[in-house]
C-alpha atoms as a PDB file:
ATOM      1  CA  MET A   1      -0.083   0.134   0.094  1.00  0.00           C
ATOM      2  CA  THR A   2       1.687   3.285  -1.048  1.00  0.00           C
ATOM      3  CA  GLY A   3       1.553   6.248   0.641  1.00  0.00           C
ATOM      4  CA  TRP A   4       3.363   7.955   3.848  1.00  0.00           C
ATOM      5  CA  TYR A   5       0.411   6.881   6.063  1.00  0.00           C
ATOM      6  CA  ARG A   6       0.052   3.761   3.833  1.00  0.00           C
ATOM      7  CA  ASN A   7      -3.350   4.411   3.212  1.00  0.00           C
ATOM      8  CA  GLY A   8      -3.469   4.584  -0.793  1.00  0.00           C
ATOM      9  CA  PHE A   9      -3.157   8.101  -0.866  1.00  0.00           C
ATOM     10  CA  CYS A  10       0.177  10.470  -1.073  1.00  0.00           C
ATOM     11  CA  GLU A  11      -0.814  12.295   2.295  1.00  0.00           C
ATOM     12  CA  THR A  12       2.325  13.656   4.125  1.00  0.00           C
ATOM     13  CA  ASP A  13       3.059  15.462   7.149  1.00  0.00           C
ATOM     14  CA  PRO A  14       6.173  17.867   8.094  1.00  0.00           C
ATOM     15  CA  SER A  15       8.016  14.567   9.087  1.00  0.00           C
ATOM     16  CA  ASP A  16       8.237  13.403   5.687  1.00  0.00           C
ATOM     17  CA  LEU A  17      11.197  15.077   4.741  1.00  0.00           C
ATOM     18  CA  GLY A  18      11.178  13.403   1.066  1.00  0.00           C
ATOM     19  CA  GLN A  19       8.090  15.211   0.292  1.00  0.00           C
ATOM     20  CA  HIS A  20       6.401  11.870  -0.887  1.00  0.00           C
ATOM     21  CA  SER A  21       3.281  13.790  -2.563  1.00  0.00           C
ATOM     22  CA  ILE A  22       3.016  12.232  -6.237  1.00  0.00           C
ATOM     23  CA  CYS A  23       1.255   9.357  -7.144  1.00  0.00           C
ATOM     24  CA  CYS A  24       2.411   7.983  -9.946  1.00  0.00           C
ATOM     25  CA  VAL A  25       2.250   5.106 -12.294  1.00  0.00           C
ATOM     26  CA  MET A  26       5.343   2.682 -12.365  1.00  0.00           C
ATOM     27  CA  THR A  27       7.086   1.997 -15.561  1.00  0.00           C
ATOM     28  CA  GLU A  28      10.077   0.069 -16.440  1.00  0.00           C
ATOM     29  CA  ALA A  29      11.850   2.891 -17.356  1.00  0.00           C
ATOM     30  CA  PHE A  30      11.345   5.089 -14.511  1.00  0.00           C
ATOM     31  CA  LEU A  31      12.255   2.117 -12.244  1.00  0.00           C
ATOM     32  CA  ARG A  32      15.340   1.972 -14.054  1.00  0.00           C
ATOM     33  CA  TYR A  33      15.849   5.789 -13.899  1.00  0.00           C
ATOM     34  CA  SER A  34      15.246   5.726  -9.923  1.00  0.00           C
ATOM     35  CA  LYS A  35      17.408   2.771  -9.333  1.00  0.00           C
ATOM     36  CA  ALA A  36      19.999   4.727 -11.422  1.00  0.00           C
ATOM     37  CA  GLN A  37      19.456   7.860  -8.765  1.00  0.00           C
ATOM     38  CA  GLY A  38      20.094   5.494  -6.036  1.00  0.00           C
ATOM     39  CA  ASN A  39      16.723   4.588  -5.080  1.00  0.00           C
ATOM     40  CA  ASP A  40      15.838   0.908  -5.831  1.00  0.00           C
ATOM     41  CA  LEU A  41      11.943   0.716  -6.087  1.00  0.00           C
ATOM     42  CA  SER A  42      11.994  -2.534  -7.932  1.00  0.00           C
ATOM     43  CA  THR A  43      13.894  -4.918  -5.367  1.00  0.00           C
ATOM     44  CA  PRO A  44      12.007  -6.772  -2.388  1.00  0.00           C
ATOM     45  CA  VAL A  45      12.998  -5.687   1.115  1.00  0.00           C
ATOM     46  CA  PRO A  46      11.441  -8.085   3.379  1.00  0.00           C
ATOM     47  CA  ALA A  47      12.743  -6.360   6.686  1.00  0.00           C
ATOM     48  CA  PHE A  48      10.500  -3.395   5.801  1.00  0.00           C
ATOM     49  CA  GLN A  49       7.488  -5.330   4.184  1.00  0.00           C
ATOM     50  CA  PHE A  50       8.580  -4.161   0.901  1.00  0.00           C
ATOM     51  CA  PRO A  51       7.396  -6.332  -2.083  1.00  0.00           C
ATOM     52  CA  GLY A  52       9.467  -4.356  -4.906  1.00  0.00           C
ATOM     53  CA  LEU A  53       7.314  -2.565  -7.458  1.00  0.00           C
ATOM     54  CA  LYS A  54       6.765  -3.541 -10.995  1.00  0.00           C
ATOM     55  CA  PRO A  55       5.263  -1.594 -13.973  1.00  0.00           C
ATOM     56  CA  GLY A  56       1.596  -0.466 -13.385  1.00  0.00           C
ATOM     57  CA  ASP A  57       2.030  -0.406  -9.570  1.00  0.00           C
ATOM     58  CA  HIS A  58       1.170   3.177  -7.962  1.00  0.00           C
ATOM     59  CA  TRP A  59       3.357   4.529  -5.578  1.00  0.00           C
ATOM     60  CA  CYS A  60       3.915   8.080  -3.901  1.00  0.00           C
ATOM     61  CA  VAL A  61       7.285   9.614  -5.300  1.00  0.00           C
ATOM     62  CA  CYS A  62       9.129  12.630  -3.949  1.00  0.00           C
ATOM     63  CA  ALA A  63       7.988  15.763  -5.647  1.00  0.00           C
ATOM     64  CA  PRO A  64      11.444  16.592  -6.062  1.00  0.00           C
ATOM     65  CA  ARG A  65      12.452  13.231  -7.599  1.00  0.00           C
ATOM     66  CA  TRP A  66       9.331  13.450 -10.058  1.00  0.00           C
ATOM     67  CA  LYS A  67      10.310  17.156 -11.225  1.00  0.00           C
ATOM     68  CA  GLN A  68      14.218  15.622 -11.765  1.00  0.00           C
ATOM     69  CA  ALA A  69      12.898  12.964 -13.564  1.00  0.00           C
ATOM     70  CA  TYR A  70      10.639  15.566 -15.653  1.00  0.00           C
ATOM     71  CA  ASP A  71      13.538  17.437 -16.222  1.00  0.00           C
ATOM     72  CA  ASP A  72      15.517  14.238 -17.443  1.00  0.00           C
ATOM     73  CA  GLY A  73      12.609  13.138 -20.075  1.00  0.00           C
ATOM     74  CA  MET A  74      11.623  10.263 -17.294  1.00  0.00           C
ATOM     75  CA  ALA A  75       8.554  11.624 -15.518  1.00  0.00           C
ATOM     76  CA  PRO A  76       6.173   8.680 -14.873  1.00  0.00           C
ATOM     77  CA  LEU A  77       2.594   9.482 -14.950  1.00  0.00           C
ATOM     78  CA  VAL A  78       0.464  10.688 -12.219  1.00  0.00           C
ATOM     79  CA  CYS A  79      -2.813   9.889 -10.752  1.00  0.00           C
ATOM     80  CA  LEU A  80      -3.891  13.330  -9.823  1.00  0.00           C
ATOM     81  CA  GLU A  81      -6.782  12.128  -7.308  1.00  0.00           C
ATOM     82  CA  ALA A  82      -4.357  10.504  -4.994  1.00  0.00           C
ATOM     83  CA  THR A  83      -1.791  13.416  -5.394  1.00  0.00           C
ATOM     84  CA  GLU A  84      -1.222  15.831  -2.486  1.00  0.00           C
ATOM     85  CA  ASP A  85      -1.624  19.563  -3.311  1.00  0.00           C
ATOM     86  CA  THR A  86       1.902  19.970  -1.282  1.00  0.00           C
ATOM     87  CA  ALA A  87       3.265  18.709  -4.517  1.00  0.00           C
ATOM     88  CA  LEU A  88       2.378  22.365  -6.146  1.00  0.00           C
ATOM     89  CA  SER A  89       5.257  23.886  -4.176  1.00  0.00           C
ATOM     90  CA  VAL A  90       7.750  21.707  -6.402  1.00  0.00           C
ATOM     91  CA  VAL A  91       5.947  21.373  -9.751  1.00  0.00           C
ATOM     92  CA  SER A  92       3.473  23.156 -11.471  1.00  0.00           C
ATOM     93  CA  LEU A  93      -0.388  21.865 -11.749  1.00  0.00           C
ATOM     94  CA  ASP A  94      -0.011  22.085 -15.320  1.00  0.00           C
ATOM     95  CA  LEU A  95       2.740  19.786 -15.474  1.00  0.00           C
ATOM     96  CA  LEU A  96       1.305  17.266 -13.341  1.00  0.00           C
ATOM     97  CA  LYS A  97      -2.139  17.653 -15.550  1.00  0.00           C
ATOM     98  CA  GLU A  98       0.292  16.835 -18.816  1.00  0.00           C
ATOM     99  CA  HIS A  99       1.311  13.797 -17.306  1.00  0.00           C
ATOM    100  CA  ALA A 100      -2.016  12.751 -15.810  1.00  0.00           C
ATOM    101  CA  HIS A 101      -2.863   8.869 -15.697  1.00  0.00           C
ATOM    102  CA  GLN A 102      -6.329   8.222 -17.605  1.00  0.00           C
ATOM    103  CA  PRO A 103      -7.575   5.219 -15.854  1.00  0.00           C
ATOM    104  CA  ILE A 104      -9.518   2.767 -17.997  1.00  0.00           C
ATOM    105  CA  GLY A 105     -13.034   2.243 -17.481  1.00  0.00           C
END
């Protein structure tokens, strides 16, 4: 379950120093990119009950990391309804809308 509070939404508080506020749909390209930046999201870590992510999974990404990925042409799609408005201090709403995930159905 994603989110600072593990409730499926990217809700944060001041103790979330990484600002995990943008809900993203994982892609193989973004998972490789994140790993290359030093944040391996695809490898399971049983000690933290983390199963590892795969393409299609939703995950709360740090707003500054998403912006970095955007600048590098690697930004994943965004689930706007699960993204916290604090992300707007780092990324414009227009950019998030440009990368909005359109769910099927």
